[in-house]
Amino acid sequence: MKFDCRLFLVTLALFASAGMLSVSMAGDFAVYSGPTNPGWISDGAVEAIVNTVTKHAGVKAMFDNIDNYGDGDEVGNKSPLAKWLVSHTNNGQTDVVFTACGTCPSSFYPFPNKEPDGSNIENFIEAGNVHVNVADWIYYMSYEGGVRSADNGGTGAANVFDIPGLSFGDRGTDFEPTKEGKKYIPSLKNFDSARPWHMEQFKGTPWKLVAFAVDKGDKNSADPVVAISTEDGKDGTGMIAAMWQKDAPVWAGKPDPRGIGVAEFLVNWLQENATFAVNPKEKTSTTWGYVKARRK
């Protein structure tokens, strides 16, 4: 049997490509499922959401490791969840944290607004990582230990985004999927968001928004939305997604979009528009291509 050099080189290239692909998609995923604000989402709903997301085949294929942190794991800078955030900041890859209960623990951002700049979650995002939140107003308060914290209020999100006066106050009724919503989150249906994004507040800021549903009567009110940082001088392109921010202890209708919808967002949109790269310099390439295409 003759040695076919061309076939060998093609085969070698295919294996190399496969290896590069597996490396480029490497990243870790952490879930915070610890105490909820019960008027916004129930413990049972959070458990079901976490189960849907973490057992989704597409989500499992995206990440090297998936960790779930609950009550007791989130208190202060020495907690397991804080250590995860710090160890996954500037580690040379894109990682994702998901607050499935909608609350903001002190391991992320000490309440009430004790660290307005340079909190663990802000550093994590500025290093080119991703935070996904459902249910309650993002960064508003904690329920760690089962007791409501002193609230950060709206100032929590304003500080993390670096947008003074930023609000997610209720001002919509009927949110319907956009073109992006239909494409990337096929399970997305019309709903009433109680904590929508006020998109006009992001004009002139280093954040670009992708809205998956907007209010029929006010196109500046949107939910779900992902914000992409375009600020120069950062190590990567960080993202914050706040999704289905609604007071629904148990979602009316099936399936609960806070589970399957987040999984679809991760697998369909994030995997296409974020670079899970070992080399931090590679992080921005895919996302910037998406942002530039939307500007045309």
C-alpha atoms as a PDB file:
ATOM      1  CA  MET A   1       0.000   0.000   0.000  1.00  0.00           C
ATOM      2  CA  LYS A   2       1.497   3.320  -1.091  1.00  0.00           C
ATOM      3  CA  PHE A   3       1.730   6.236   1.310  1.00  0.00           C
ATOM      4  CA  ASP A   4      -0.509   9.058   0.092  1.00  0.00           C
ATOM      5  CA  CYS A   5       1.133  12.274   1.303  1.00  0.00           C
ATOM      6  CA  ARG A   6      -1.753  14.483   0.164  1.00  0.00           C
ATOM      7  CA  LEU A   7      -4.333  12.375   1.981  1.00  0.00           C
ATOM      8  CA  PHE A   8      -2.176  12.416   5.102  1.00  0.00           C
ATOM      9  CA  LEU A   9      -1.887  16.208   5.030  1.00  0.00           C
ATOM     10  CA  VAL A  10      -5.624  16.667   4.511  1.00  0.00           C
ATOM     11  CA  THR A  11      -6.386  14.303   7.378  1.00  0.00           C
ATOM     12  CA  LEU A  12      -3.870  16.063   9.587  1.00  0.00           C
ATOM     13  CA  ALA A  13      -5.444  19.439   8.761  1.00  0.00           C
ATOM     14  CA  LEU A  14      -8.905  18.134   9.640  1.00  0.00           C
ATOM     15  CA  PHE A  15      -7.715  16.864  13.002  1.00  0.00           C
ATOM     16  CA  ALA A  16      -5.941  20.145  13.652  1.00  0.00           C
ATOM     17  CA  SER A  17      -9.087  22.103  12.799  1.00  0.00           C
ATOM     18  CA  ALA A  18     -11.160  19.924  15.111  1.00  0.00           C
ATOM     19  CA  GLY A  19      -8.635  20.434  17.863  1.00  0.00           C
ATOM     20  CA  MET A  20      -8.577  24.179  17.354  1.00  0.00           C
ATOM     21  CA  LEU A  21     -12.371  24.273  17.405  1.00  0.00           C
ATOM     22  CA  SER A  22     -12.544  22.443  20.722  1.00  0.00           C
ATOM     23  CA  VAL A  23      -9.982  24.815  22.213  1.00  0.00           C
ATOM     24  CA  SER A  24     -11.644  27.963  20.883  1.00  0.00           C
ATOM     25  CA  MET A  25     -14.985  26.983  22.412  1.00  0.00           C
ATOM     26  CA  ALA A  26     -13.473  26.218  25.825  1.00  0.00           C
ATOM     27  CA  GLY A  27     -14.998  28.086  28.740  1.00  0.00           C
ATOM     28  CA  ASP A  28     -16.645  27.485  32.108  1.00  0.00           C
ATOM     29  CA  PHE A  29     -20.230  28.071  33.185  1.00  0.00           C
ATOM     30  CA  ALA A  30     -21.414  28.865  36.720  1.00  0.00           C
ATOM     31  CA  VAL A  31     -25.005  29.068  37.932  1.00  0.00           C
ATOM     32  CA  TYR A  32     -26.176  30.901  41.044  1.00  0.00           C
ATOM     33  CA  SER A  33     -29.421  29.304  42.211  1.00  0.00           C
ATOM     34  CA  GLY A  34     -29.330  30.449  45.826  1.00  0.00           C
ATOM     35  CA  PRO A  35     -32.219  32.120  47.631  1.00  0.00           C
ATOM     36  CA  THR A  36     -34.847  33.845  45.528  1.00  0.00           C
ATOM     37  CA  ASN A  37     -37.003  36.890  46.010  1.00  0.00           C
ATOM     38  CA  PRO A  38     -40.130  34.717  46.289  1.00  0.00           C
ATOM     39  CA  GLY A  39     -42.488  37.317  44.843  1.00  0.00           C
ATOM     40  CA  TRP A  40     -40.537  37.182  41.589  1.00  0.00           C
ATOM     41  CA  ILE A  41     -39.525  33.554  41.176  1.00  0.00           C
ATOM     42  CA  SER A  42     -40.109  30.448  43.273  1.00  0.00           C
ATOM     43  CA  ASP A  43     -37.508  27.968  44.474  1.00  0.00           C
ATOM     44  CA  GLY A  44     -39.201  25.270  42.399  1.00  0.00           C
ATOM     45  CA  ALA A  45     -39.062  27.393  39.255  1.00  0.00           C
ATOM     46  CA  VAL A  46     -35.348  28.068  39.779  1.00  0.00           C
ATOM     47  CA  GLU A  47     -34.644  24.375  40.240  1.00  0.00           C
ATOM     48  CA  ALA A  48     -36.480  23.555  37.012  1.00  0.00           C
ATOM     49  CA  ILE A  49     -34.716  26.372  35.117  1.00  0.00           C
ATOM     50  CA  VAL A  50     -31.282  25.238  36.271  1.00  0.00           C
ATOM     51  CA  ASN A  51     -32.095  21.660  35.333  1.00  0.00           C
ATOM     52  CA  THR A  52     -33.265  22.723  31.848  1.00  0.00           C
ATOM     53  CA  VAL A  53     -30.208  24.870  31.148  1.00  0.00           C
ATOM     54  CA  THR A  54     -27.455  22.698  32.609  1.00  0.00           C
ATOM     55  CA  LYS A  55     -28.752  19.462  31.092  1.00  0.00           C
ATOM     56  CA  HIS A  56     -29.341  20.948  27.638  1.00  0.00           C
ATOM     57  CA  ALA A  57     -27.089  19.059  25.221  1.00  0.00           C
ATOM     58  CA  GLY A  58     -26.043  22.198  23.373  1.00  0.00           C
ATOM     59  CA  VAL A  59     -25.151  24.037  26.578  1.00  0.00           C
ATOM     60  CA  LYS A  60     -23.168  21.070  27.891  1.00  0.00           C
ATOM     61  CA  ALA A  61     -21.194  20.964  24.648  1.00  0.00           C
ATOM     62  CA  MET A  62     -20.227  24.651  24.968  1.00  0.00           C
ATOM     63  CA  PHE A  63     -18.396  24.452  28.277  1.00  0.00           C
ATOM     64  CA  ASP A  64     -15.595  22.490  29.891  1.00  0.00           C
ATOM     65  CA  ASN A  65     -17.166  22.724  33.348  1.00  0.00           C
ATOM     66  CA  ILE A  66     -20.616  23.574  34.718  1.00  0.00           C
ATOM     67  CA  ASP A  67     -20.928  24.457  38.428  1.00  0.00           C
ATOM     68  CA  ASN A  68     -24.029  25.238  40.463  1.00  0.00           C
ATOM     69  CA  TYR A  69     -23.759  27.461  43.544  1.00  0.00           C
ATOM     70  CA  GLY A  70     -26.608  27.793  46.015  1.00  0.00           C
ATOM     71  CA  ASP A  71     -27.414  29.148  49.460  1.00  0.00           C
ATOM     72  CA  GLY A  72     -24.270  29.498  51.568  1.00  0.00           C
ATOM     73  CA  ASP A  73     -21.936  29.542  48.579  1.00  0.00           C
ATOM     74  CA  GLU A  74     -22.326  33.238  47.840  1.00  0.00           C
ATOM     75  CA  VAL A  75     -21.608  35.307  50.951  1.00  0.00           C
ATOM     76  CA  GLY A  76     -18.641  37.658  50.629  1.00  0.00           C
ATOM     77  CA  ASN A  77     -15.282  37.618  48.873  1.00  0.00           C
ATOM     78  CA  LYS A  78     -14.110  34.383  50.500  1.00  0.00           C
ATOM     79  CA  SER A  79     -17.127  32.380  49.362  1.00  0.00           C
ATOM     80  CA  PRO A  80     -16.928  29.641  46.707  1.00  0.00           C
ATOM     81  CA  LEU A  81     -18.898  31.750  44.220  1.00  0.00           C
ATOM     82  CA  ALA A  82     -16.646  34.787  44.730  1.00  0.00           C
ATOM     83  CA  LYS A  83     -13.566  32.618  44.274  1.00  0.00           C
ATOM     84  CA  TRP A  84     -15.051  31.266  41.028  1.00  0.00           C
ATOM     85  CA  LEU A  85     -15.607  34.804  39.706  1.00  0.00           C
ATOM     86  CA  VAL A  86     -12.121  35.969  40.641  1.00  0.00           C
ATOM     87  CA  SER A  87     -10.398  32.873  39.246  1.00  0.00           C
ATOM     88  CA  HIS A  88     -12.335  33.264  35.979  1.00  0.00           C
ATOM     89  CA  THR A  89     -11.403  36.919  35.535  1.00  0.00           C
ATOM     90  CA  ASN A  90      -8.447  37.462  33.178  1.00  0.00           C
ATOM     91  CA  ASN A  91      -7.893  33.713  32.885  1.00  0.00           C
ATOM     92  CA  GLY A  92      -7.493  33.746  29.097  1.00  0.00           C
ATOM     93  CA  GLN A  93     -10.934  32.393  28.203  1.00  0.00           C
ATOM     94  CA  THR A  94     -14.533  33.569  28.012  1.00  0.00           C
ATOM     95  CA  ASP A  95     -16.678  32.310  30.883  1.00  0.00           C
ATOM     96  CA  VAL A  96     -20.373  32.710  31.695  1.00  0.00           C
ATOM     97  CA  VAL A  97     -22.224  33.152  34.987  1.00  0.00           C
ATOM     98  CA  PHE A  98     -26.011  32.786  35.188  1.00  0.00           C
ATOM     99  CA  THR A  99     -28.107  34.170  38.065  1.00  0.00           C
ATOM    100  CA  ALA A 100     -31.089  31.863  37.719  1.00  0.00           C
ATOM    101  CA  CYS A 101     -32.774  33.294  40.815  1.00  0.00           C
ATOM    102  CA  GLY A 102     -32.551  36.948  39.751  1.00  0.00           C
ATOM    103  CA  THR A 103     -30.824  38.128  42.921  1.00  0.00           C
ATOM    104  CA  CYS A 104     -27.355  39.676  43.285  1.00  0.00           C
ATOM    105  CA  PRO A 105     -25.252  38.101  46.059  1.00  0.00           C
ATOM    106  CA  SER A 106     -22.553  39.927  48.003  1.00  0.00           C
ATOM    107  CA  SER A 107     -19.932  37.752  46.300  1.00  0.00           C
ATOM    108  CA  PHE A 108     -20.856  39.638  43.104  1.00  0.00           C
ATOM    109  CA  TYR A 109     -21.424  43.121  44.504  1.00  0.00           C
ATOM    110  CA  PRO A 110     -21.496  43.889  48.244  1.00  0.00           C
ATOM    111  CA  PHE A 111     -24.711  45.543  49.377  1.00  0.00           C
ATOM    112  CA  PRO A 112     -25.858  48.216  49.754  1.00  0.00           C
ATOM    113  CA  ASN A 113     -23.596  49.596  47.008  1.00  0.00           C
ATOM    114  CA  LYS A 114     -20.443  49.189  49.106  1.00  0.00           C
ATOM    115  CA  GLU A 115     -18.242  48.697  46.052  1.00  0.00           C
ATOM    116  CA  PRO A 116     -19.592  50.970  43.305  1.00  0.00           C
ATOM    117  CA  ASP A 117     -16.510  50.433  41.156  1.00  0.00           C
ATOM    118  CA  GLY A 118     -14.336  47.356  40.824  1.00  0.00           C
ATOM    119  CA  SER A 119     -16.736  44.747  42.227  1.00  0.00           C
ATOM    120  CA  ASN A 120     -16.133  41.094  41.389  1.00  0.00           C
ATOM    121  CA  ILE A 121     -18.936  41.035  38.825  1.00  0.00           C
ATOM    122  CA  GLU A 122     -17.835  44.292  37.167  1.00  0.00           C
ATOM    123  CA  ASN A 123     -14.242  43.055  36.916  1.00  0.00           C
ATOM    124  CA  PHE A 124     -15.477  39.738  35.517  1.00  0.00           C
ATOM    125  CA  ILE A 125     -17.484  41.450  32.771  1.00  0.00           C
ATOM    126  CA  GLU A 126     -14.787  43.999  31.932  1.00  0.00           C
ATOM    127  CA  ALA A 127     -12.338  41.133  31.417  1.00  0.00           C
ATOM    128  CA  GLY A 128     -14.498  39.912  28.527  1.00  0.00           C
ATOM    129  CA  ASN A 129     -16.897  37.529  30.244  1.00  0.00           C
ATOM    130  CA  VAL A 130     -20.683  37.170  30.246  1.00  0.00           C
ATOM    131  CA  HIS A 131     -23.392  37.548  32.906  1.00  0.00           C
ATOM    132  CA  VAL A 132     -26.947  36.327  32.229  1.00  0.00           C
ATOM    133  CA  ASN A 133     -29.797  37.227  34.624  1.00  0.00           C
ATOM    134  CA  VAL A 134     -33.486  36.319  34.757  1.00  0.00           C
ATOM    135  CA  ALA A 135     -36.450  37.315  36.939  1.00  0.00           C
ATOM    136  CA  ASP A 136     -35.676  40.278  39.230  1.00  0.00           C
ATOM    137  CA  TRP A 137     -34.133  43.696  38.401  1.00  0.00           C
ATOM    138  CA  ILE A 138     -30.466  42.925  37.731  1.00  0.00           C
ATOM    139  CA  TYR A 139     -28.059  43.830  40.595  1.00  0.00           C
ATOM    140  CA  TYR A 140     -30.949  45.184  42.699  1.00  0.00           C
ATOM    141  CA  MET A 141     -30.791  43.111  45.871  1.00  0.00           C
ATOM    142  CA  SER A 142     -29.840  39.826  47.539  1.00  0.00           C
ATOM    143  CA  TYR A 143     -31.773  37.215  49.478  1.00  0.00           C
ATOM    144  CA  GLU A 144     -28.721  35.292  50.652  1.00  0.00           C
ATOM    145  CA  GLY A 145     -29.395  33.315  53.795  1.00  0.00           C
ATOM    146  CA  GLY A 146     -33.118  33.567  53.047  1.00  0.00           C
ATOM    147  CA  VAL A 147     -33.335  37.163  54.306  1.00  0.00           C
ATOM    148  CA  ARG A 148     -33.718  40.217  52.107  1.00  0.00           C
ATOM    149  CA  SER A 149     -30.598  42.360  52.045  1.00  0.00           C
ATOM    150  CA  ALA A 150     -30.317  46.110  52.223  1.00  0.00           C
ATOM    151  CA  ASP A 151     -31.147  46.986  48.620  1.00  0.00           C
ATOM    152  CA  ASN A 152     -28.676  48.290  46.089  1.00  0.00           C
ATOM    153  CA  GLY A 153     -31.732  49.596  44.298  1.00  0.00           C
ATOM    154  CA  GLY A 154     -31.317  50.840  40.758  1.00  0.00           C
ATOM    155  CA  THR A 155     -27.866  52.137  41.664  1.00  0.00           C
ATOM    156  CA  GLY A 156     -26.484  48.594  41.516  1.00  0.00           C
ATOM    157  CA  ALA A 157     -27.056  48.255  37.775  1.00  0.00           C
ATOM    158  CA  ALA A 158     -26.104  51.886  37.194  1.00  0.00           C
ATOM    159  CA  ASN A 159     -22.716  51.247  38.813  1.00  0.00           C
ATOM    160  CA  VAL A 160     -21.968  47.978  37.025  1.00  0.00           C
ATOM    161  CA  PHE A 161     -22.919  49.456  33.650  1.00  0.00           C
ATOM    162  CA  ASP A 162     -21.334  52.816  34.552  1.00  0.00           C
ATOM    163  CA  ILE A 163     -24.501  54.646  33.457  1.00  0.00           C
ATOM    164  CA  PRO A 164     -25.756  57.081  36.144  1.00  0.00           C
ATOM    165  CA  GLY A 165     -29.502  56.913  36.680  1.00  0.00           C
ATOM    166  CA  LEU A 166     -29.964  53.683  34.715  1.00  0.00           C
ATOM    167  CA  SER A 167     -33.403  52.200  35.318  1.00  0.00           C
ATOM    168  CA  PHE A 168     -35.287  48.969  34.646  1.00  0.00           C
ATOM    169  CA  GLY A 169     -38.597  50.360  35.867  1.00  0.00           C
ATOM    170  CA  ASP A 170     -41.888  48.957  34.613  1.00  0.00           C
ATOM    171  CA  ARG A 171     -43.263  50.786  31.579  1.00  0.00           C
ATOM    172  CA  GLY A 172     -44.546  48.190  29.099  1.00  0.00           C
ATOM    173  CA  THR A 173     -47.365  45.762  28.512  1.00  0.00           C
ATOM    174  CA  ASP A 174     -46.933  43.566  25.438  1.00  0.00           C
ATOM    175  CA  PHE A 175     -43.445  42.559  24.381  1.00  0.00           C
ATOM    176  CA  GLU A 176     -43.212  40.757  21.044  1.00  0.00           C
ATOM    177  CA  PRO A 177     -40.210  39.009  19.463  1.00  0.00           C
ATOM    178  CA  THR A 178     -37.934  40.939  17.123  1.00  0.00           C
ATOM    179  CA  LYS A 179     -36.254  39.460  14.065  1.00  0.00           C
ATOM    180  CA  GLU A 180     -33.314  38.448  16.260  1.00  0.00           C
ATOM    181  CA  GLY A 181     -35.680  36.988  18.841  1.00  0.00           C
ATOM    182  CA  LYS A 182     -37.418  34.777  16.301  1.00  0.00           C
ATOM    183  CA  LYS A 183     -34.114  33.613  14.869  1.00  0.00           C
ATOM    184  CA  TYR A 184     -32.104  32.957  18.013  1.00  0.00           C
ATOM    185  CA  ILE A 185     -34.750  32.206  20.673  1.00  0.00           C
ATOM    186  CA  PRO A 186     -37.472  30.259  18.832  1.00  0.00           C
ATOM    187  CA  SER A 187     -39.375  29.513  22.056  1.00  0.00           C
ATOM    188  CA  LEU A 188     -39.812  33.258  22.727  1.00  0.00           C
ATOM    189  CA  LYS A 189     -43.459  34.353  22.900  1.00  0.00           C
ATOM    190  CA  ASN A 190     -45.229  37.617  23.659  1.00  0.00           C
ATOM    191  CA  PHE A 191     -45.194  38.466  27.371  1.00  0.00           C
ATOM    192  CA  ASP A 192     -45.427  41.386  29.800  1.00  0.00           C
ATOM    193  CA  SER A 193     -42.038  42.390  31.200  1.00  0.00           C
ATOM    194  CA  ALA A 194     -42.054  44.141  34.571  1.00  0.00           C
ATOM    195  CA  ARG A 195     -38.400  45.218  34.434  1.00  0.00           C
ATOM    196  CA  PRO A 196     -37.591  46.076  30.816  1.00  0.00           C
ATOM    197  CA  TRP A 197     -34.476  47.701  29.448  1.00  0.00           C
ATOM    198  CA  HIS A 198     -34.834  51.440  28.749  1.00  0.00           C
ATOM    199  CA  MET A 199     -32.868  51.367  25.528  1.00  0.00           C
ATOM    200  CA  GLU A 200     -32.626  55.124  25.054  1.00  0.00           C
ATOM    201  CA  GLN A 201     -30.517  55.317  28.229  1.00  0.00           C
ATOM    202  CA  PHE A 202     -27.712  53.468  26.444  1.00  0.00           C
ATOM    203  CA  LYS A 203     -27.299  56.027  23.660  1.00  0.00           C
ATOM    204  CA  GLY A 204     -23.852  57.578  23.764  1.00  0.00           C
ATOM    205  CA  THR A 205     -22.507  54.849  26.059  1.00  0.00           C
ATOM    206  CA  PRO A 206     -19.970  52.119  25.224  1.00  0.00           C
ATOM    207  CA  TRP A 207     -22.735  49.499  25.125  1.00  0.00           C
ATOM    208  CA  LYS A 208     -24.446  48.088  22.047  1.00  0.00           C
ATOM    209  CA  LEU A 209     -27.800  46.410  22.617  1.00  0.00           C
ATOM    210  CA  VAL A 210     -29.374  43.451  20.861  1.00  0.00           C
ATOM    211  CA  ALA A 211     -33.089  43.248  21.683  1.00  0.00           C
ATOM    212  CA  PHE A 212     -34.944  39.967  21.302  1.00  0.00           C
ATOM    213  CA  ALA A 213     -38.377  41.415  22.138  1.00  0.00           C
ATOM    214  CA  VAL A 214     -39.704  44.986  22.292  1.00  0.00           C
ATOM    215  CA  ASP A 215     -42.906  46.551  23.538  1.00  0.00           C
ATOM    216  CA  LYS A 216     -45.475  47.078  20.782  1.00  0.00           C
ATOM    217  CA  GLY A 217     -46.163  50.647  21.855  1.00  0.00           C
ATOM    218  CA  ASP A 218     -42.652  51.710  22.901  1.00  0.00           C
ATOM    219  CA  LYS A 219     -39.711  50.430  20.881  1.00  0.00           C
ATOM    220  CA  ASN A 220     -37.315  51.762  23.540  1.00  0.00           C
ATOM    221  CA  SER A 221     -38.668  49.243  26.052  1.00  0.00           C
ATOM    222  CA  ALA A 222     -37.205  45.781  25.495  1.00  0.00           C
ATOM    223  CA  ASP A 223     -36.725  42.402  27.179  1.00  0.00           C
ATOM    224  CA  PRO A 224     -34.861  40.066  26.685  1.00  0.00           C
ATOM    225  CA  VAL A 225     -31.765  42.089  25.746  1.00  0.00           C
ATOM    226  CA  VAL A 226     -28.019  41.507  25.694  1.00  0.00           C
ATOM    227  CA  ALA A 227     -25.621  44.441  26.090  1.00  0.00           C
ATOM    228  CA  ILE A 228     -22.197  44.193  24.447  1.00  0.00           C
ATOM    229  CA  SER A 229     -19.365  46.345  25.795  1.00  0.00           C
ATOM    230  CA  THR A 230     -17.429  48.193  23.108  1.00  0.00           C
ATOM    231  CA  GLU A 231     -15.256  50.193  25.472  1.00  0.00           C
ATOM    232  CA  ASP A 232     -11.633  50.525  24.390  1.00  0.00           C
ATOM    233  CA  GLY A 233      -8.835  49.328  26.612  1.00  0.00           C
ATOM    234  CA  LYS A 234     -10.592  46.277  28.006  1.00  0.00           C
ATOM    235  CA  ASP A 235      -9.144  42.790  27.874  1.00  0.00           C
ATOM    236  CA  GLY A 236     -12.146  41.460  26.029  1.00  0.00           C
ATOM    237  CA  THR A 237     -15.713  42.162  25.015  1.00  0.00           C
ATOM    238  CA  GLY A 238     -17.909  41.690  28.064  1.00  0.00           C
ATOM    239  CA  MET A 239     -21.651  41.129  27.877  1.00  0.00           C
ATOM    240  CA  ILE A 240     -24.625  41.433  30.209  1.00  0.00           C
ATOM    241  CA  ALA A 241     -27.942  39.786  29.327  1.00  0.00           C
ATOM    242  CA  ALA A 242     -31.052  40.536  31.398  1.00  0.00           C
ATOM    243  CA  MET A 243     -33.950  38.344  30.312  1.00  0.00           C
ATOM    244  CA  TRP A 244     -37.583  37.773  31.276  1.00  0.00           C
ATOM    245  CA  GLN A 245     -37.351  40.169  34.208  1.00  0.00           C
ATOM    246  CA  LYS A 246     -40.891  39.607  35.415  1.00  0.00           C
ATOM    247  CA  ASP A 247     -42.632  38.911  38.727  1.00  0.00           C
ATOM    248  CA  ALA A 248     -43.703  35.341  37.987  1.00  0.00           C
ATOM    249  CA  PRO A 249     -43.042  32.893  40.838  1.00  0.00           C
ATOM    250  CA  VAL A 250     -44.397  30.244  38.474  1.00  0.00           C
ATOM    251  CA  TRP A 251     -44.511  31.120  34.780  1.00  0.00           C
ATOM    252  CA  ALA A 252     -47.985  31.065  33.255  1.00  0.00           C
ATOM    253  CA  GLY A 253     -47.835  28.608  30.395  1.00  0.00           C
ATOM    254  CA  LYS A 254     -45.291  26.046  29.323  1.00  0.00           C
ATOM    255  CA  PRO A 255     -42.416  25.888  28.823  1.00  0.00           C
ATOM    256  CA  ASP A 256     -40.905  28.390  31.227  1.00  0.00           C
ATOM    257  CA  PRO A 257     -38.834  30.623  28.882  1.00  0.00           C
ATOM    258  CA  ARG A 258     -36.389  31.412  31.671  1.00  0.00           C
ATOM    259  CA  GLY A 259     -35.057  27.889  31.165  1.00  0.00           C
ATOM    260  CA  ILE A 260     -35.343  26.882  27.537  1.00  0.00           C
ATOM    261  CA  GLY A 261     -35.045  30.515  26.394  1.00  0.00           C
ATOM    262  CA  VAL A 262     -31.728  31.005  28.193  1.00  0.00           C
ATOM    263  CA  ALA A 263     -30.454  27.713  26.776  1.00  0.00           C
ATOM    264  CA  GLU A 264     -31.413  28.838  23.263  1.00  0.00           C
ATOM    265  CA  PHE A 265     -29.736  32.206  23.805  1.00  0.00           C
ATOM    266  CA  LEU A 266     -26.505  30.527  24.907  1.00  0.00           C
ATOM    267  CA  VAL A 267     -26.424  27.927  22.158  1.00  0.00           C
ATOM    268  CA  ASN A 268     -27.818  29.955  19.262  1.00  0.00           C
ATOM    269  CA  TRP A 269     -26.789  33.564  19.856  1.00  0.00           C
ATOM    270  CA  LEU A 270     -23.886  33.584  22.293  1.00  0.00           C
ATOM    271  CA  GLN A 271     -22.080  30.704  20.651  1.00  0.00           C
ATOM    272  CA  GLU A 272     -22.308  32.522  17.316  1.00  0.00           C
ATOM    273  CA  ASN A 273     -21.460  36.001  18.555  1.00  0.00           C
ATOM    274  CA  ALA A 274     -18.889  35.528  21.304  1.00  0.00           C
ATOM    275  CA  THR A 275     -15.446  34.004  20.983  1.00  0.00           C
ATOM    276  CA  PHE A 276     -14.596  31.449  23.655  1.00  0.00           C
ATOM    277  CA  ALA A 277     -10.864  31.751  23.083  1.00  0.00           C
ATOM    278  CA  VAL A 278      -7.777  30.760  25.046  1.00  0.00           C
ATOM    279  CA  ASN A 279      -5.985  33.848  23.729  1.00  0.00           C
ATOM    280  CA  PRO A 280      -7.704  36.988  25.136  1.00  0.00           C
ATOM    281  CA  LYS A 281      -6.724  38.930  22.001  1.00  0.00           C
ATOM    282  CA  GLU A 282      -9.029  36.649  19.987  1.00  0.00           C
ATOM    283  CA  LYS A 283     -12.065  37.326  22.173  1.00  0.00           C
ATOM    284  CA  THR A 284     -13.365  40.398  20.372  1.00  0.00           C
ATOM    285  CA  SER A 285     -13.176  39.224  16.773  1.00  0.00           C
ATOM    286  CA  THR A 286     -16.522  37.486  16.315  1.00  0.00           C
ATOM    287  CA  THR A 287     -18.498  39.901  18.459  1.00  0.00           C
ATOM    288  CA  TRP A 288     -17.053  42.966  16.755  1.00  0.00           C
ATOM    289  CA  GLY A 289     -18.004  41.485  13.395  1.00  0.00           C
ATOM    290  CA  TYR A 290     -21.591  41.204  14.612  1.00  0.00           C
ATOM    291  CA  VAL A 291     -21.680  44.733  16.038  1.00  0.00           C
ATOM    292  CA  LYS A 292     -20.193  46.264  12.885  1.00  0.00           C
ATOM    293  CA  ALA A 293     -22.698  44.394  10.702  1.00  0.00           C
ATOM    294  CA  ARG A 294     -25.579  45.854  12.736  1.00  0.00           C
ATOM    295  CA  ARG A 295     -24.252  49.386  12.230  1.00  0.00           C
ATOM    296  CA  LYS A 296     -24.579  49.255   8.444  1.00  0.00           C
END
